[in-house]
Amino acid sequence: MYRVRLTKTAAKDYRSVEATLAKRLAKAFEMVEQNPRQHPNIKALKGELAGRYRYRVGDYRVVYRIDDDSTEGHLD
């Protein structure tokens, strides 16, 4: 299992969203912790963001990278 760590900017954004969206994001974080690579809403990114993934939550995109050595995902 992985652990999600938010960047300062992501944490600030997360604290400022409405409660309904915050719940949906919390579920997305839980899903990413369990299986960060395989889910219909997960897509590996290309180009400048290669090596990162995105998880779609409604109109929002959670962009993250996976550190397999420490089992921590870093959400940008």
Protein backbone atom coordinates (compact mmCIF):
# COMPACT_ATOMS: atom_id res chain seq x y z
CA MET A 1 0.00 0.00 0.00
CA TYR A 2 1.14 3.51 -0.80
CA ARG A 3 0.82 6.71 1.21
CA VAL A 4 -0.34 10.00 -0.31
CA ARG A 5 1.62 13.13 0.56
CA LEU A 6 0.33 16.48 -0.68
CA THR A 7 2.61 19.30 -1.74
CA LYS A 8 2.06 22.59 0.11
CA THR A 9 0.15 23.99 -2.86
CA ALA A 10 -2.02 20.87 -3.22
CA ALA A 11 -2.77 20.85 0.52
CA LYS A 12 -3.80 24.51 0.40
CA ASP A 13 -6.06 23.85 -2.60
CA TYR A 14 -7.55 20.77 -0.91
CA ARG A 15 -8.42 22.74 2.23
CA SER A 16 -10.17 25.41 0.17
CA VAL A 17 -12.58 23.22 -1.83
CA GLU A 18 -16.21 22.70 -0.88
CA ALA A 19 -17.07 19.73 1.37
CA THR A 20 -18.62 17.61 -1.39
CA LEU A 21 -15.54 17.87 -3.57
CA ALA A 22 -13.27 17.29 -0.58
CA LYS A 23 -15.05 13.96 0.08
CA ARG A 24 -14.65 12.92 -3.55
CA LEU A 25 -10.98 13.85 -3.48
CA ALA A 26 -10.48 11.92 -0.23
CA LYS A 27 -11.94 8.83 -1.93
CA ALA A 28 -9.59 9.38 -4.88
CA PHE A 29 -6.62 9.62 -2.51
CA GLU A 30 -7.66 6.34 -0.87
CA MET A 31 -7.93 4.66 -4.26
CA VAL A 32 -4.50 5.95 -5.27
CA GLU A 33 -3.03 4.61 -2.04
CA GLN A 34 -4.40 1.14 -2.81
CA ASN A 35 -3.62 0.94 -6.52
CA PRO A 36 -1.93 4.02 -7.99
CA ARG A 37 -1.65 2.72 -11.55
CA GLN A 38 -4.82 0.87 -12.49
CA HIS A 39 -8.26 2.40 -12.47
CA PRO A 40 -10.47 3.71 -15.29
CA ASN A 41 -9.86 7.30 -14.12
CA ILE A 42 -6.05 6.97 -14.02
CA LYS A 43 -3.94 7.89 -17.01
CA ALA A 44 -0.14 8.00 -17.39
CA LEU A 45 0.88 11.45 -18.58
CA LYS A 46 3.27 12.25 -21.42
CA GLY A 47 5.48 15.13 -22.50
CA GLU A 48 6.58 17.55 -19.78
CA LEU A 49 4.61 15.57 -17.20
CA ALA A 50 5.97 12.15 -18.17
CA GLY A 51 6.44 9.95 -15.13
CA ARG A 52 3.32 11.36 -13.51
CA TYR A 53 -0.26 10.15 -13.50
CA ARG A 54 -3.57 11.88 -13.34
CA TYR A 55 -6.74 10.79 -11.60
CA ARG A 56 -9.88 12.47 -12.84
CA VAL A 57 -12.37 13.64 -10.20
CA GLY A 58 -15.23 15.36 -12.02
CA ASP A 59 -13.85 18.53 -13.59
CA TYR A 60 -10.65 18.26 -11.52
CA ARG A 61 -7.46 16.37 -12.17
CA VAL A 62 -5.26 15.03 -9.39
CA VAL A 63 -1.72 14.85 -10.76
CA TYR A 64 0.76 12.67 -8.92
CA ARG A 65 3.98 10.71 -9.15
CA ILE A 66 4.77 7.38 -7.56
CA ASP A 67 7.87 6.68 -5.53
CA ASP A 68 8.08 2.88 -5.55
CA ASP A 69 11.15 2.92 -3.31
CA SER A 70 9.32 4.51 -0.39
CA THR A 71 5.74 3.53 -1.35
CA GLU A 72 4.72 7.18 -1.20
CA GLY A 73 2.76 9.01 -3.84
CA HIS A 74 3.36 12.72 -4.12
CA LEU A 75 0.35 14.66 -5.29
CA ASP A 76 1.17 17.83 -7.14
